[in-house]
Amino acid sequence: MIRSTFRWRLSEEQLPEESGSYICITGVMIQHIHYSSKHKMFNCHDTDTPEEAKRTSIYVHAWAPMPGNVEKLMEEAWLQRCNG
């Protein structure tokens, strides 16, 4: 079992300072979503054009920094899934 404490921030009050992966509340779901500090939008990357960023961005009600242990476990699970 993994236990983590999240410090949630409302997106309307504060956005992340850095691009990267964050735990986000979107509607009724909690998801792992990328944030672009260049575009100041969730679900896009700094390398996206402004048009791509607008097209793929989604509304995030609240976000929290991704704990290091969660990100590492997600990467390991992804590699296991890809490698069968």
C-alpha atoms as a PDB file:
ATOM      1  CA  MET A   1       0.000   0.000   0.000  1.00  0.00           C
ATOM      2  CA  ILE A   2       1.209   3.511  -0.845  1.00  0.00           C
ATOM      3  CA  ARG A   3       0.200   6.477   1.285  1.00  0.00           C
ATOM      4  CA  SER A   4       0.629  10.027   0.111  1.00  0.00           C
ATOM      5  CA  THR A   5      -0.622  13.376   1.310  1.00  0.00           C
ATOM      6  CA  PHE A   6      -1.580  15.927  -1.308  1.00  0.00           C
ATOM      7  CA  ARG A   7      -1.641  19.695  -0.813  1.00  0.00           C
ATOM      8  CA  TRP A   8      -4.380  20.732  -3.222  1.00  0.00           C
ATOM      9  CA  ARG A   9      -4.392  24.161  -4.872  1.00  0.00           C
ATOM     10  CA  LEU A  10      -7.344  25.654  -6.718  1.00  0.00           C
ATOM     11  CA  SER A  11      -6.411  26.395 -10.334  1.00  0.00           C
ATOM     12  CA  GLU A  12      -8.335  29.663 -10.270  1.00  0.00           C
ATOM     13  CA  GLU A  13      -6.115  30.871  -7.405  1.00  0.00           C
ATOM     14  CA  GLN A  14      -2.729  29.440  -8.373  1.00  0.00           C
ATOM     15  CA  LEU A  15      -1.130  27.590 -11.282  1.00  0.00           C
ATOM     16  CA  PRO A  16       2.086  25.557 -11.110  1.00  0.00           C
ATOM     17  CA  GLU A  17       5.299  27.534 -11.629  1.00  0.00           C
ATOM     18  CA  GLU A  18       6.999  24.736 -13.594  1.00  0.00           C
ATOM     19  CA  SER A  19       5.974  22.462 -16.432  1.00  0.00           C
ATOM     20  CA  GLY A  20       5.583  18.849 -15.441  1.00  0.00           C
ATOM     21  CA  SER A  21       3.257  16.120 -14.190  1.00  0.00           C
ATOM     22  CA  TYR A  22       0.656  16.899 -11.547  1.00  0.00           C
ATOM     23  CA  ILE A  23      -2.190  15.122  -9.788  1.00  0.00           C
ATOM     24  CA  CYS A  24      -5.369  16.941 -10.871  1.00  0.00           C
ATOM     25  CA  ILE A  25      -9.067  16.993 -10.097  1.00  0.00           C
ATOM     26  CA  THR A  26     -11.124  17.309 -13.276  1.00  0.00           C
ATOM     27  CA  GLY A  27     -14.840  17.148 -12.620  1.00  0.00           C
ATOM     28  CA  VAL A  28     -15.300  13.993 -10.586  1.00  0.00           C
ATOM     29  CA  MET A  29     -12.006  12.333 -11.552  1.00  0.00           C
ATOM     30  CA  ILE A  30      -8.494  12.499 -10.135  1.00  0.00           C
ATOM     31  CA  GLN A  31      -5.952  12.209 -12.933  1.00  0.00           C
ATOM     32  CA  HIS A  32      -2.237  12.447 -13.647  1.00  0.00           C
ATOM     33  CA  ILE A  33      -1.952  15.351 -16.121  1.00  0.00           C
ATOM     34  CA  HIS A  34       0.908  17.290 -17.700  1.00  0.00           C
ATOM     35  CA  TYR A  35       1.046  21.073 -17.255  1.00  0.00           C
ATOM     36  CA  SER A  36       2.762  23.596 -19.540  1.00  0.00           C
ATOM     37  CA  SER A  37       4.085  26.724 -17.818  1.00  0.00           C
ATOM     38  CA  LYS A  38       4.719  28.225 -21.267  1.00  0.00           C
ATOM     39  CA  HIS A  39       1.027  28.019 -22.218  1.00  0.00           C
ATOM     40  CA  LYS A  40      -0.330  28.102 -18.636  1.00  0.00           C
ATOM     41  CA  MET A  41      -2.601  25.162 -19.501  1.00  0.00           C
ATOM     42  CA  PHE A  42      -3.091  21.570 -18.412  1.00  0.00           C
ATOM     43  CA  ASN A  43      -2.932  18.616 -20.811  1.00  0.00           C
ATOM     44  CA  CYS A  44      -0.398  20.222 -23.146  1.00  0.00           C
ATOM     45  CA  HIS A  45       3.373  20.586 -23.423  1.00  0.00           C
ATOM     46  CA  ASP A  46       5.765  23.504 -23.834  1.00  0.00           C
ATOM     47  CA  THR A  47       6.641  22.206 -27.311  1.00  0.00           C
ATOM     48  CA  ASP A  48       3.009  22.476 -28.492  1.00  0.00           C
ATOM     49  CA  THR A  49       2.049  25.357 -30.734  1.00  0.00           C
ATOM     50  CA  PRO A  50      -0.458  27.811 -29.201  1.00  0.00           C
ATOM     51  CA  GLU A  51      -3.154  26.288 -31.414  1.00  0.00           C
ATOM     52  CA  GLU A  52      -2.324  22.725 -30.280  1.00  0.00           C
ATOM     53  CA  ALA A  53      -2.287  23.816 -26.652  1.00  0.00           C
ATOM     54  CA  LYS A  54      -5.728  25.441 -26.927  1.00  0.00           C
ATOM     55  CA  ARG A  55      -7.130  22.393 -28.720  1.00  0.00           C
ATOM     56  CA  THR A  56      -5.870  19.811 -26.205  1.00  0.00           C
ATOM     57  CA  SER A  57      -6.091  21.764 -22.947  1.00  0.00           C
ATOM     58  CA  ILE A  58      -8.608  20.724 -20.302  1.00  0.00           C
ATOM     59  CA  TYR A  59     -10.062  22.480 -17.266  1.00  0.00           C
ATOM     60  CA  VAL A  60      -8.539  21.414 -13.956  1.00  0.00           C
ATOM     61  CA  HIS A  61     -10.410  22.367 -10.798  1.00  0.00           C
ATOM     62  CA  ALA A  62      -7.515  21.673  -8.414  1.00  0.00           C
ATOM     63  CA  TRP A  63      -3.969  20.338  -8.656  1.00  0.00           C
ATOM     64  CA  ALA A  64      -1.196  19.057  -6.398  1.00  0.00           C
ATOM     65  CA  PRO A  65       2.490  18.352  -6.958  1.00  0.00           C
ATOM     66  CA  MET A  66       3.219  14.756  -7.847  1.00  0.00           C
ATOM     67  CA  PRO A  67       4.955  12.982  -4.943  1.00  0.00           C
ATOM     68  CA  GLY A  68       8.246  11.452  -6.091  1.00  0.00           C
ATOM     69  CA  ASN A  69       7.301   7.940  -4.981  1.00  0.00           C
ATOM     70  CA  VAL A  70       4.064   8.018  -7.013  1.00  0.00           C
ATOM     71  CA  GLU A  71       5.784   9.192 -10.189  1.00  0.00           C
ATOM     72  CA  LYS A  72       8.433   6.465  -9.895  1.00  0.00           C
ATOM     73  CA  LEU A  73       5.805   3.757  -9.372  1.00  0.00           C
ATOM     74  CA  MET A  74       3.777   5.003 -12.343  1.00  0.00           C
ATOM     75  CA  GLU A  75       6.870   4.890 -14.553  1.00  0.00           C
ATOM     76  CA  GLU A  76       7.634   1.324 -13.405  1.00  0.00           C
ATOM     77  CA  ALA A  77       4.031   0.239 -14.044  1.00  0.00           C
ATOM     78  CA  TRP A  78       4.127   1.796 -17.525  1.00  0.00           C
ATOM     79  CA  LEU A  79       7.393   0.018 -18.386  1.00  0.00           C
ATOM     80  CA  GLN A  80       5.970  -3.312 -17.174  1.00  0.00           C
ATOM     81  CA  ARG A  81       2.850  -2.755 -19.268  1.00  0.00           C
ATOM     82  CA  CYS A  82       4.906  -1.898 -22.369  1.00  0.00           C
ATOM     83  CA  ASN A  83       7.245  -4.845 -21.915  1.00  0.00           C
ATOM     84  CA  GLY A  84       4.441  -7.316 -21.326  1.00  0.00           C
END
